[in-house]
Amino acid sequence: MPTSADKAAATRQVAARRMDLLRVRHLKLLQLVASTGSLTAAAQELRISQPASTKLLQELERAVGCSLVDRSVRGGSLSAAGQRTLERMRIAIGALDAVAQAGATPPYRPLVRIGTLPLVGVELIPRMVALLSERGQLPRLTIHESNVAAVLGMLREGAIDCVIGRIDSDRLEGRADELRITRLTRDDYAVACAPTHPLAGRRRLALGALRTHDWIVAPHGTHTRQVFEMRFASQGLQPPLPLIECSAFHTNLSTVSTCPLLTVAPQSAVQSYVRLGRV
């Protein structure tokens, strides 16, 4: 007589066989139902009949063991289980799309899709491309530059393969265990000003002296602004109120190069402007 362990093993084998039968269309169907809100519209996008789309959905639901779509007179929407399933399947869909793109252009090179924050393009991306090119290992790259929330969203949806940038733990929304995180470099913040600024060239300055000058700094809610204010607060000083607030490091550095303002930015970005003689 089969034991409970035998029954559990048999159930897992059946589920595995059902998963083996899934095709790309099953994955695409769920994605299209989410985006169109209708099984009929999803079928039209896939260029299949309504009965065929219903059959695909039933096969998918049997494979995962639960209902994935809530039907209504207005169409259909993903159930809570459907949303969780799609979130995991998006990674597979994104990987399949990347394979299709990479194989479409001979000679074959693997495609790596990267999400970056704006300043990564100043130092890290050029260094990475130069190093891989020198080694003959440069793959095809698609680079998407945006803010932290956007690139993490793309990563969760499988639209990109990795993110390069400064990302705080509070931005991960408690999902750090789902990611593989590797530290690439250390990039501290530095104060920058124009070469003609009264403080230019001075090596040691008390924070109190910096409070009397005008600043252009990232707005509240950004990591840079938090670092800026905590540096003063740690010495019992009231942080200066910026004359200008701007979240774009390049705009801030370009602005201070033309007028008597101070700014704070990652050291790699500041050094790039120093080499150009602008700060």
C-alpha atoms as a PDB file:
ATOM      1  CA  MET A   1       0.000   0.000   0.000  1.00  0.00           C
ATOM      2  CA  PRO A   2       1.519   3.373  -0.976  1.00  0.00           C
ATOM      3  CA  THR A   3       2.610   5.592   1.884  1.00  0.00           C
ATOM      4  CA  SER A   4       1.935   9.330   2.182  1.00  0.00           C
ATOM      5  CA  ALA A   5       5.520   9.945   1.023  1.00  0.00           C
ATOM      6  CA  ASP A   6       4.901   7.801  -2.077  1.00  0.00           C
ATOM      7  CA  LYS A   7       1.719   9.750  -2.844  1.00  0.00           C
ATOM      8  CA  ALA A   8       3.532  13.072  -2.429  1.00  0.00           C
ATOM      9  CA  ALA A   9       6.307  11.918  -4.762  1.00  0.00           C
ATOM     10  CA  ALA A  10       3.764  10.796  -7.341  1.00  0.00           C
ATOM     11  CA  THR A  11       1.990  14.164  -7.111  1.00  0.00           C
ATOM     12  CA  ARG A  12       5.276  15.988  -7.682  1.00  0.00           C
ATOM     13  CA  GLN A  13       6.012  13.808 -10.719  1.00  0.00           C
ATOM     14  CA  VAL A  14       2.604  14.571 -12.236  1.00  0.00           C
ATOM     15  CA  ALA A  15       3.102  18.306 -11.635  1.00  0.00           C
ATOM     16  CA  ALA A  16       6.561  18.139 -13.195  1.00  0.00           C
ATOM     17  CA  ARG A  17       5.202  16.378 -16.298  1.00  0.00           C
ATOM     18  CA  ARG A  18       2.520  19.031 -16.651  1.00  0.00           C
ATOM     19  CA  MET A  19       5.108  21.804 -16.386  1.00  0.00           C
ATOM     20  CA  ASP A  20       7.190  20.061 -19.069  1.00  0.00           C
ATOM     21  CA  LEU A  21       4.241  20.356 -21.463  1.00  0.00           C
ATOM     22  CA  LEU A  22       4.031  24.153 -21.154  1.00  0.00           C
ATOM     23  CA  ARG A  23       5.073  26.167 -24.182  1.00  0.00           C
ATOM     24  CA  VAL A  24       6.009  29.792 -24.725  1.00  0.00           C
ATOM     25  CA  ARG A  25       2.406  30.539 -25.701  1.00  0.00           C
ATOM     26  CA  HIS A  26       1.212  29.531 -22.250  1.00  0.00           C
ATOM     27  CA  LEU A  27       3.543  32.090 -20.714  1.00  0.00           C
ATOM     28  CA  LYS A  28       2.648  34.791 -23.234  1.00  0.00           C
ATOM     29  CA  LEU A  29      -1.071  34.185 -22.701  1.00  0.00           C
ATOM     30  CA  LEU A  30      -0.890  35.022 -19.009  1.00  0.00           C
ATOM     31  CA  GLN A  31       1.168  38.120 -19.746  1.00  0.00           C
ATOM     32  CA  LEU A  32      -1.355  39.311 -22.349  1.00  0.00           C
ATOM     33  CA  VAL A  33      -4.368  38.705 -20.102  1.00  0.00           C
ATOM     34  CA  ALA A  34      -2.679  40.944 -17.528  1.00  0.00           C
ATOM     35  CA  SER A  35      -1.986  43.711 -20.051  1.00  0.00           C
ATOM     36  CA  THR A  36      -5.287  43.573 -21.999  1.00  0.00           C
ATOM     37  CA  GLY A  37      -7.716  42.551 -19.251  1.00  0.00           C
ATOM     38  CA  SER A  38      -9.391  40.066 -21.560  1.00  0.00           C
ATOM     39  CA  LEU A  39      -8.868  36.476 -22.613  1.00  0.00           C
ATOM     40  CA  THR A  40     -10.413  37.339 -25.992  1.00  0.00           C
ATOM     41  CA  ALA A  41      -7.969  40.199 -26.571  1.00  0.00           C
ATOM     42  CA  ALA A  42      -5.094  37.973 -25.480  1.00  0.00           C
ATOM     43  CA  ALA A  43      -6.185  35.357 -28.030  1.00  0.00           C
ATOM     44  CA  GLN A  44      -6.261  38.001 -30.764  1.00  0.00           C
ATOM     45  CA  GLU A  45      -2.742  39.135 -29.860  1.00  0.00           C
ATOM     46  CA  LEU A  46      -1.539  35.523 -30.091  1.00  0.00           C
ATOM     47  CA  ARG A  47      -3.523  35.013 -33.330  1.00  0.00           C
ATOM     48  CA  ILE A  48      -5.372  32.002 -31.965  1.00  0.00           C
ATOM     49  CA  SER A  49      -9.071  31.238 -31.501  1.00  0.00           C
ATOM     50  CA  GLN A  50     -11.003  31.854 -28.281  1.00  0.00           C
ATOM     51  CA  PRO A  51     -11.381  28.085 -27.606  1.00  0.00           C
ATOM     52  CA  ALA A  52      -7.639  27.627 -28.152  1.00  0.00           C
ATOM     53  CA  SER A  53      -6.829  30.367 -25.634  1.00  0.00           C
ATOM     54  CA  THR A  54      -9.224  28.817 -23.119  1.00  0.00           C
ATOM     55  CA  LYS A  55      -7.504  25.460 -23.573  1.00  0.00           C
ATOM     56  CA  LEU A  56      -4.062  27.062 -23.060  1.00  0.00           C
ATOM     57  CA  LEU A  57      -5.268  28.698 -19.861  1.00  0.00           C
ATOM     58  CA  GLN A  58      -6.740  25.433 -18.563  1.00  0.00           C
ATOM     59  CA  GLU A  59      -3.465  23.612 -19.276  1.00  0.00           C
ATOM     60  CA  LEU A  60      -1.531  26.310 -17.479  1.00  0.00           C
ATOM     61  CA  GLU A  61      -3.867  26.234 -14.476  1.00  0.00           C
ATOM     62  CA  ARG A  62      -3.585  22.425 -14.278  1.00  0.00           C
ATOM     63  CA  ALA A  63       0.196  22.712 -14.373  1.00  0.00           C
ATOM     64  CA  VAL A  64       0.397  25.183 -11.482  1.00  0.00           C
ATOM     65  CA  GLY A  65      -2.543  23.689  -9.599  1.00  0.00           C
ATOM     66  CA  CYS A  66      -4.718  26.775  -9.096  1.00  0.00           C
ATOM     67  CA  SER A  67      -6.989  29.266 -10.826  1.00  0.00           C
ATOM     68  CA  LEU A  68      -5.030  32.078 -12.472  1.00  0.00           C
ATOM     69  CA  VAL A  69      -7.734  34.269 -14.026  1.00  0.00           C
ATOM     70  CA  ASP A  70     -10.884  35.753 -12.496  1.00  0.00           C
ATOM     71  CA  ARG A  71     -13.518  36.051 -15.224  1.00  0.00           C
ATOM     72  CA  SER A  72     -16.218  38.731 -15.321  1.00  0.00           C
ATOM     73  CA  VAL A  73     -18.649  40.275 -17.809  1.00  0.00           C
ATOM     74  CA  ARG A  74     -15.991  42.905 -18.563  1.00  0.00           C
ATOM     75  CA  GLY A  75     -13.334  40.372 -19.437  1.00  0.00           C
ATOM     76  CA  GLY A  76     -10.774  38.781 -17.181  1.00  0.00           C
ATOM     77  CA  SER A  77      -8.104  39.773 -14.701  1.00  0.00           C
ATOM     78  CA  LEU A  78      -5.363  37.827 -12.998  1.00  0.00           C
ATOM     79  CA  SER A  79      -6.164  36.343  -9.629  1.00  0.00           C
ATOM     80  CA  ALA A  80      -3.710  36.808  -6.771  1.00  0.00           C
ATOM     81  CA  ALA A  81      -2.181  33.444  -7.702  1.00  0.00           C
ATOM     82  CA  GLY A  82      -2.060  34.538 -11.342  1.00  0.00           C
ATOM     83  CA  GLN A  83      -0.168  37.701 -10.456  1.00  0.00           C
ATOM     84  CA  ARG A  84       2.385  35.739  -8.420  1.00  0.00           C
ATOM     85  CA  THR A  85       2.767  33.207 -11.229  1.00  0.00           C
ATOM     86  CA  LEU A  86       3.227  35.912 -13.860  1.00  0.00           C
ATOM     87  CA  GLU A  87       5.847  37.669 -11.749  1.00  0.00           C
ATOM     88  CA  ARG A  88       7.954  34.506 -11.798  1.00  0.00           C
ATOM     89  CA  MET A  89       7.201  33.688 -15.423  1.00  0.00           C
ATOM     90  CA  ARG A  90       8.266  37.146 -16.613  1.00  0.00           C
ATOM     91  CA  ILE A  91      11.849  36.163 -15.930  1.00  0.00           C
ATOM     92  CA  ALA A  92      11.481  33.176 -18.267  1.00  0.00           C
ATOM     93  CA  ILE A  93       9.691  35.272 -20.910  1.00  0.00           C
ATOM     94  CA  GLY A  94      12.404  37.920 -20.762  1.00  0.00           C
ATOM     95  CA  ALA A  95      15.118  35.288 -21.080  1.00  0.00           C
ATOM     96  CA  LEU A  96      13.411  33.730 -24.107  1.00  0.00           C
ATOM     97  CA  ASP A  97      13.056  37.149 -25.764  1.00  0.00           C
ATOM     98  CA  ALA A  98      16.747  37.821 -25.147  1.00  0.00           C
ATOM     99  CA  VAL A  99      17.694  34.485 -26.718  1.00  0.00           C
ATOM    100  CA  ALA A 100      15.579  35.290 -29.776  1.00  0.00           C
ATOM    101  CA  GLN A 101      17.206  38.717 -30.156  1.00  0.00           C
ATOM    102  CA  ALA A 102      20.715  37.380 -29.643  1.00  0.00           C
ATOM    103  CA  GLY A 103      20.288  34.609 -32.195  1.00  0.00           C
ATOM    104  CA  ALA A 104      18.792  36.868 -34.853  1.00  0.00           C
ATOM    105  CA  THR A 105      22.023  38.661 -35.742  1.00  0.00           C
ATOM    106  CA  PRO A 106      25.074  36.618 -36.852  1.00  0.00           C
ATOM    107  CA  PRO A 107      27.734  36.077 -35.734  1.00  0.00           C
ATOM    108  CA  TYR A 108      26.142  34.909 -32.532  1.00  0.00           C
ATOM    109  CA  ARG A 109      26.990  36.798 -29.361  1.00  0.00           C
ATOM    110  CA  PRO A 110      25.108  36.459 -26.095  1.00  0.00           C
ATOM    111  CA  LEU A 111      22.851  39.405 -25.278  1.00  0.00           C
ATOM    112  CA  VAL A 112      23.105  41.013 -21.841  1.00  0.00           C
ATOM    113  CA  ARG A 113      20.444  43.546 -20.878  1.00  0.00           C
ATOM    114  CA  ILE A 114      21.638  46.017 -18.254  1.00  0.00           C
ATOM    115  CA  GLY A 115      19.758  48.571 -16.193  1.00  0.00           C
ATOM    116  CA  THR A 116      21.895  51.428 -14.909  1.00  0.00           C
ATOM    117  CA  LEU A 117      21.663  54.623 -12.933  1.00  0.00           C
ATOM    118  CA  PRO A 118      22.774  57.781 -14.783  1.00  0.00           C
ATOM    119  CA  LEU A 119      26.280  58.083 -13.328  1.00  0.00           C
ATOM    120  CA  VAL A 120      27.243  54.487 -14.065  1.00  0.00           C
ATOM    121  CA  GLY A 121      27.761  55.549 -17.664  1.00  0.00           C
ATOM    122  CA  VAL A 122      30.498  57.969 -16.629  1.00  0.00           C
ATOM    123  CA  GLU A 123      33.031  55.460 -15.298  1.00  0.00           C
ATOM    124  CA  LEU A 124      31.869  51.871 -14.789  1.00  0.00           C
ATOM    125  CA  ILE A 125      30.225  51.148 -18.148  1.00  0.00           C
ATOM    126  CA  PRO A 126      33.146  52.503 -20.251  1.00  0.00           C
ATOM    127  CA  ARG A 127      35.651  50.576 -18.107  1.00  0.00           C
ATOM    128  CA  MET A 128      33.595  47.390 -18.365  1.00  0.00           C
ATOM    129  CA  VAL A 129      33.245  47.660 -22.151  1.00  0.00           C
ATOM    130  CA  ALA A 130      36.956  48.394 -22.609  1.00  0.00           C
ATOM    131  CA  LEU A 131      38.005  45.445 -20.416  1.00  0.00           C
ATOM    132  CA  LEU A 132      35.669  42.923 -22.063  1.00  0.00           C
ATOM    133  CA  SER A 133      36.610  44.164 -25.531  1.00  0.00           C
ATOM    134  CA  GLU A 134      40.310  43.789 -24.731  1.00  0.00           C
ATOM    135  CA  ARG A 135      39.685  40.195 -23.625  1.00  0.00           C
ATOM    136  CA  GLY A 136      37.596  39.422 -26.702  1.00  0.00           C
ATOM    137  CA  GLN A 137      34.608  38.713 -24.451  1.00  0.00           C
ATOM    138  CA  LEU A 138      32.354  41.672 -25.241  1.00  0.00           C
ATOM    139  CA  PRO A 139      28.742  40.475 -25.664  1.00  0.00           C
ATOM    140  CA  ARG A 140      25.903  42.370 -27.261  1.00  0.00           C
ATOM    141  CA  LEU A 141      24.598  44.897 -24.759  1.00  0.00           C
ATOM    142  CA  THR A 142      21.376  46.811 -24.347  1.00  0.00           C
ATOM    143  CA  ILE A 143      21.698  49.477 -21.663  1.00  0.00           C
ATOM    144  CA  HIS A 144      18.629  51.056 -20.080  1.00  0.00           C
ATOM    145  CA  GLU A 145      19.353  54.154 -17.978  1.00  0.00           C
ATOM    146  CA  SER A 146      16.781  55.257 -15.411  1.00  0.00           C
ATOM    147  CA  ASN A 147      16.176  55.732 -11.692  1.00  0.00           C
ATOM    148  CA  VAL A 148      16.373  53.037  -9.017  1.00  0.00           C
ATOM    149  CA  ALA A 149      12.653  52.251  -8.909  1.00  0.00           C
ATOM    150  CA  ALA A 150      12.420  51.901 -12.686  1.00  0.00           C
ATOM    151  CA  VAL A 151      15.423  49.606 -13.159  1.00  0.00           C
ATOM    152  CA  LEU A 152      14.435  47.398 -10.218  1.00  0.00           C
ATOM    153  CA  GLY A 153      10.950  47.132 -11.711  1.00  0.00           C
ATOM    154  CA  MET A 154      12.442  46.088 -15.051  1.00  0.00           C
ATOM    155  CA  LEU A 155      14.582  43.496 -13.266  1.00  0.00           C
ATOM    156  CA  ARG A 156      11.564  42.013 -11.473  1.00  0.00           C
ATOM    157  CA  GLU A 157       9.649  41.837 -14.764  1.00  0.00           C
ATOM    158  CA  GLY A 158      12.512  40.084 -16.558  1.00  0.00           C
ATOM    159  CA  ALA A 159      13.011  43.001 -18.972  1.00  0.00           C
ATOM    160  CA  ILE A 160      16.694  43.237 -17.974  1.00  0.00           C
ATOM    161  CA  ASP A 161      19.222  40.747 -16.649  1.00  0.00           C
ATOM    162  CA  CYS A 162      21.015  42.866 -14.070  1.00  0.00           C
ATOM    163  CA  VAL A 163      21.295  46.322 -12.515  1.00  0.00           C
ATOM    164  CA  ILE A 164      24.521  48.269 -12.050  1.00  0.00           C
ATOM    165  CA  GLY A 165      24.329  51.147  -9.610  1.00  0.00           C
ATOM    166  CA  ARG A 166      24.125  52.366  -6.043  1.00  0.00           C
ATOM    167  CA  ILE A 167      21.029  50.779  -4.518  1.00  0.00           C
ATOM    168  CA  ASP A 168      20.126  51.081  -0.840  1.00  0.00           C
ATOM    169  CA  SER A 169      18.600  48.163   1.043  1.00  0.00           C
ATOM    170  CA  ASP A 170      15.396  50.113   1.728  1.00  0.00           C
ATOM    171  CA  ARG A 171      14.786  50.313  -2.036  1.00  0.00           C
ATOM    172  CA  LEU A 172      14.696  46.507  -2.300  1.00  0.00           C
ATOM    173  CA  GLU A 173      11.352  46.354  -0.458  1.00  0.00           C
ATOM    174  CA  GLY A 174      12.416  43.360   1.638  1.00  0.00           C
ATOM    175  CA  ARG A 175      13.227  41.250  -1.429  1.00  0.00           C
ATOM    176  CA  ALA A 176      17.015  41.229  -1.219  1.00  0.00           C
ATOM    177  CA  ASP A 177      16.938  37.441  -0.772  1.00  0.00           C
ATOM    178  CA  GLU A 178      15.551  37.140  -4.320  1.00  0.00           C
ATOM    179  CA  LEU A 179      18.582  38.872  -5.807  1.00  0.00           C
ATOM    180  CA  ARG A 180      22.251  38.081  -6.171  1.00  0.00           C
ATOM    181  CA  ILE A 181      24.112  41.207  -5.068  1.00  0.00           C
ATOM    182  CA  THR A 182      27.815  41.756  -5.803  1.00  0.00           C
ATOM    183  CA  ARG A 183      29.817  44.765  -4.684  1.00  0.00           C
ATOM    184  CA  LEU A 184      31.778  46.130  -7.651  1.00  0.00           C
ATOM    185  CA  THR A 185      33.453  49.224  -6.265  1.00  0.00           C
ATOM    186  CA  ARG A 186      33.370  51.889  -3.561  1.00  0.00           C
ATOM    187  CA  ASP A 187      32.286  55.356  -4.615  1.00  0.00           C
ATOM    188  CA  ASP A 188      32.196  57.953  -1.842  1.00  0.00           C
ATOM    189  CA  TYR A 189      30.694  61.404  -2.166  1.00  0.00           C
ATOM    190  CA  ALA A 190      32.764  64.530  -2.750  1.00  0.00           C
ATOM    191  CA  VAL A 191      32.102  68.273  -2.725  1.00  0.00           C
ATOM    192  CA  ALA A 192      32.714  70.055  -6.033  1.00  0.00           C
ATOM    193  CA  CYS A 193      32.986  73.659  -7.165  1.00  0.00           C
ATOM    194  CA  ALA A 194      34.305  75.632 -10.137  1.00  0.00           C
ATOM    195  CA  PRO A 195      38.087  76.188 -10.417  1.00  0.00           C
ATOM    196  CA  THR A 196      37.348  79.900  -9.901  1.00  0.00           C
ATOM    197  CA  HIS A 197      35.376  79.378  -6.689  1.00  0.00           C
ATOM    198  CA  PRO A 198      36.936  80.962  -3.544  1.00  0.00           C
ATOM    199  CA  LEU A 199      37.187  77.484  -1.958  1.00  0.00           C
ATOM    200  CA  ALA A 200      38.825  75.801  -4.972  1.00  0.00           C
ATOM    201  CA  GLY A 201      42.109  74.082  -4.178  1.00  0.00           C
ATOM    202  CA  ARG A 202      41.683  74.137  -0.415  1.00  0.00           C
ATOM    203  CA  ARG A 203      42.355  70.683   1.022  1.00  0.00           C
ATOM    204  CA  ARG A 204      40.901  70.987   4.493  1.00  0.00           C
ATOM    205  CA  LEU A 205      37.682  72.795   5.211  1.00  0.00           C
ATOM    206  CA  ALA A 206      35.468  72.769   8.274  1.00  0.00           C
ATOM    207  CA  LEU A 207      31.862  71.912   7.570  1.00  0.00           C
ATOM    208  CA  GLY A 208      30.863  75.124   9.274  1.00  0.00           C
ATOM    209  CA  ALA A 209      32.660  77.094   6.563  1.00  0.00           C
ATOM    210  CA  LEU A 210      30.694  75.287   3.849  1.00  0.00           C
ATOM    211  CA  ARG A 211      27.360  76.296   5.375  1.00  0.00           C
ATOM    212  CA  THR A 212      27.847  79.943   4.382  1.00  0.00           C
ATOM    213  CA  HIS A 213      28.016  79.164   0.645  1.00  0.00           C
ATOM    214  CA  ASP A 214      25.215  78.522  -1.830  1.00  0.00           C
ATOM    215  CA  TRP A 215      24.532  74.930  -2.893  1.00  0.00           C
ATOM    216  CA  ILE A 216      22.848  72.990  -5.669  1.00  0.00           C
ATOM    217  CA  VAL A 217      21.857  69.596  -4.239  1.00  0.00           C
ATOM    218  CA  ALA A 218      19.496  66.699  -4.948  1.00  0.00           C
ATOM    219  CA  PRO A 219      15.965  67.107  -3.514  1.00  0.00           C
ATOM    220  CA  HIS A 220      14.536  65.497  -0.387  1.00  0.00           C
ATOM    221  CA  GLY A 221      13.786  61.799  -0.693  1.00  0.00           C
ATOM    222  CA  THR A 222      17.040  61.007  -2.503  1.00  0.00           C
ATOM    223  CA  HIS A 223      20.018  59.126  -1.094  1.00  0.00           C
ATOM    224  CA  THR A 224      22.331  62.018  -1.978  1.00  0.00           C
ATOM    225  CA  ARG A 225      20.271  64.524   0.001  1.00  0.00           C
ATOM    226  CA  GLN A 226      20.199  62.144   2.957  1.00  0.00           C
ATOM    227  CA  VAL A 227      23.999  61.776   2.908  1.00  0.00           C
ATOM    228  CA  PHE A 228      24.415  65.551   2.501  1.00  0.00           C
ATOM    229  CA  GLU A 229      22.247  66.418   5.497  1.00  0.00           C
ATOM    230  CA  MET A 230      23.525  63.635   7.754  1.00  0.00           C
ATOM    231  CA  ARG A 231      27.123  64.799   7.237  1.00  0.00           C
ATOM    232  CA  PHE A 232      26.272  68.157   8.813  1.00  0.00           C
ATOM    233  CA  ALA A 233      23.914  66.712  11.428  1.00  0.00           C
ATOM    234  CA  SER A 234      26.608  64.267  12.611  1.00  0.00           C
ATOM    235  CA  GLN A 235      28.643  67.289  13.735  1.00  0.00           C
ATOM    236  CA  GLY A 236      25.697  69.054  15.333  1.00  0.00           C
ATOM    237  CA  LEU A 237      25.259  71.503  12.456  1.00  0.00           C
ATOM    238  CA  GLN A 238      22.102  72.570  10.701  1.00  0.00           C
ATOM    239  CA  PRO A 239      22.426  71.510   7.036  1.00  0.00           C
ATOM    240  CA  PRO A 240      22.405  74.463   4.636  1.00  0.00           C
ATOM    241  CA  LEU A 241      19.245  75.023   2.604  1.00  0.00           C
ATOM    242  CA  PRO A 242      20.183  74.551  -1.066  1.00  0.00           C
ATOM    243  CA  LEU A 243      19.662  77.521  -3.341  1.00  0.00           C
ATOM    244  CA  ILE A 244      18.826  75.083  -6.154  1.00  0.00           C
ATOM    245  CA  GLU A 245      17.495  71.519  -5.946  1.00  0.00           C
ATOM    246  CA  CYS A 246      18.113  69.125  -8.835  1.00  0.00           C
ATOM    247  CA  SER A 247      18.324  65.326  -8.906  1.00  0.00           C
ATOM    248  CA  ALA A 248      20.610  65.154 -11.985  1.00  0.00           C
ATOM    249  CA  PHE A 249      24.303  64.956 -11.041  1.00  0.00           C
ATOM    250  CA  HIS A 250      25.456  66.039 -14.493  1.00  0.00           C
ATOM    251  CA  THR A 251      23.268  69.141 -14.356  1.00  0.00           C
ATOM    252  CA  ASN A 252      24.559  69.990 -10.888  1.00  0.00           C
ATOM    253  CA  LEU A 253      28.215  69.553 -11.850  1.00  0.00           C
ATOM    254  CA  SER A 254      27.778  71.501 -15.077  1.00  0.00           C
ATOM    255  CA  THR A 255      26.026  74.286 -13.173  1.00  0.00           C
ATOM    256  CA  VAL A 256      28.708  74.695 -10.511  1.00  0.00           C
ATOM    257  CA  SER A 257      31.341  74.868 -13.256  1.00  0.00           C
ATOM    258  CA  THR A 258      29.804  78.148 -14.425  1.00  0.00           C
ATOM    259  CA  CYS A 259      28.863  79.925 -11.192  1.00  0.00           C
ATOM    260  CA  PRO A 260      29.901  80.196  -7.507  1.00  0.00           C
ATOM    261  CA  LEU A 261      27.878  77.269  -6.179  1.00  0.00           C
ATOM    262  CA  LEU A 262      28.856  74.078  -4.365  1.00  0.00           C
ATOM    263  CA  THR A 263      27.451  70.624  -5.000  1.00  0.00           C
ATOM    264  CA  VAL A 264      27.930  67.075  -3.754  1.00  0.00           C
ATOM    265  CA  ALA A 265      28.197  64.088  -6.086  1.00  0.00           C
ATOM    266  CA  PRO A 266      29.785  60.618  -6.262  1.00  0.00           C
ATOM    267  CA  GLN A 267      33.556  60.908  -6.424  1.00  0.00           C
ATOM    268  CA  SER A 268      33.751  59.100  -9.778  1.00  0.00           C
ATOM    269  CA  ALA A 269      31.555  61.756 -11.378  1.00  0.00           C
ATOM    270  CA  VAL A 270      33.482  64.596  -9.757  1.00  0.00           C
ATOM    271  CA  GLN A 271      36.799  63.171 -10.977  1.00  0.00           C
ATOM    272  CA  SER A 272      35.458  62.994 -14.539  1.00  0.00           C
ATOM    273  CA  TYR A 273      34.689  66.716 -14.423  1.00  0.00           C
ATOM    274  CA  VAL A 274      38.060  67.432 -12.789  1.00  0.00           C
ATOM    275  CA  ARG A 275      39.822  65.755 -15.732  1.00  0.00           C
ATOM    276  CA  LEU A 276      37.863  68.019 -18.062  1.00  0.00           C
ATOM    277  CA  GLY A 277      38.976  71.054 -16.069  1.00  0.00           C
ATOM    278  CA  ARG A 278      35.403  72.029 -15.269  1.00  0.00           C
ATOM    279  CA  VAL A 279      35.467  71.619 -11.483  1.00  0.00           C
END
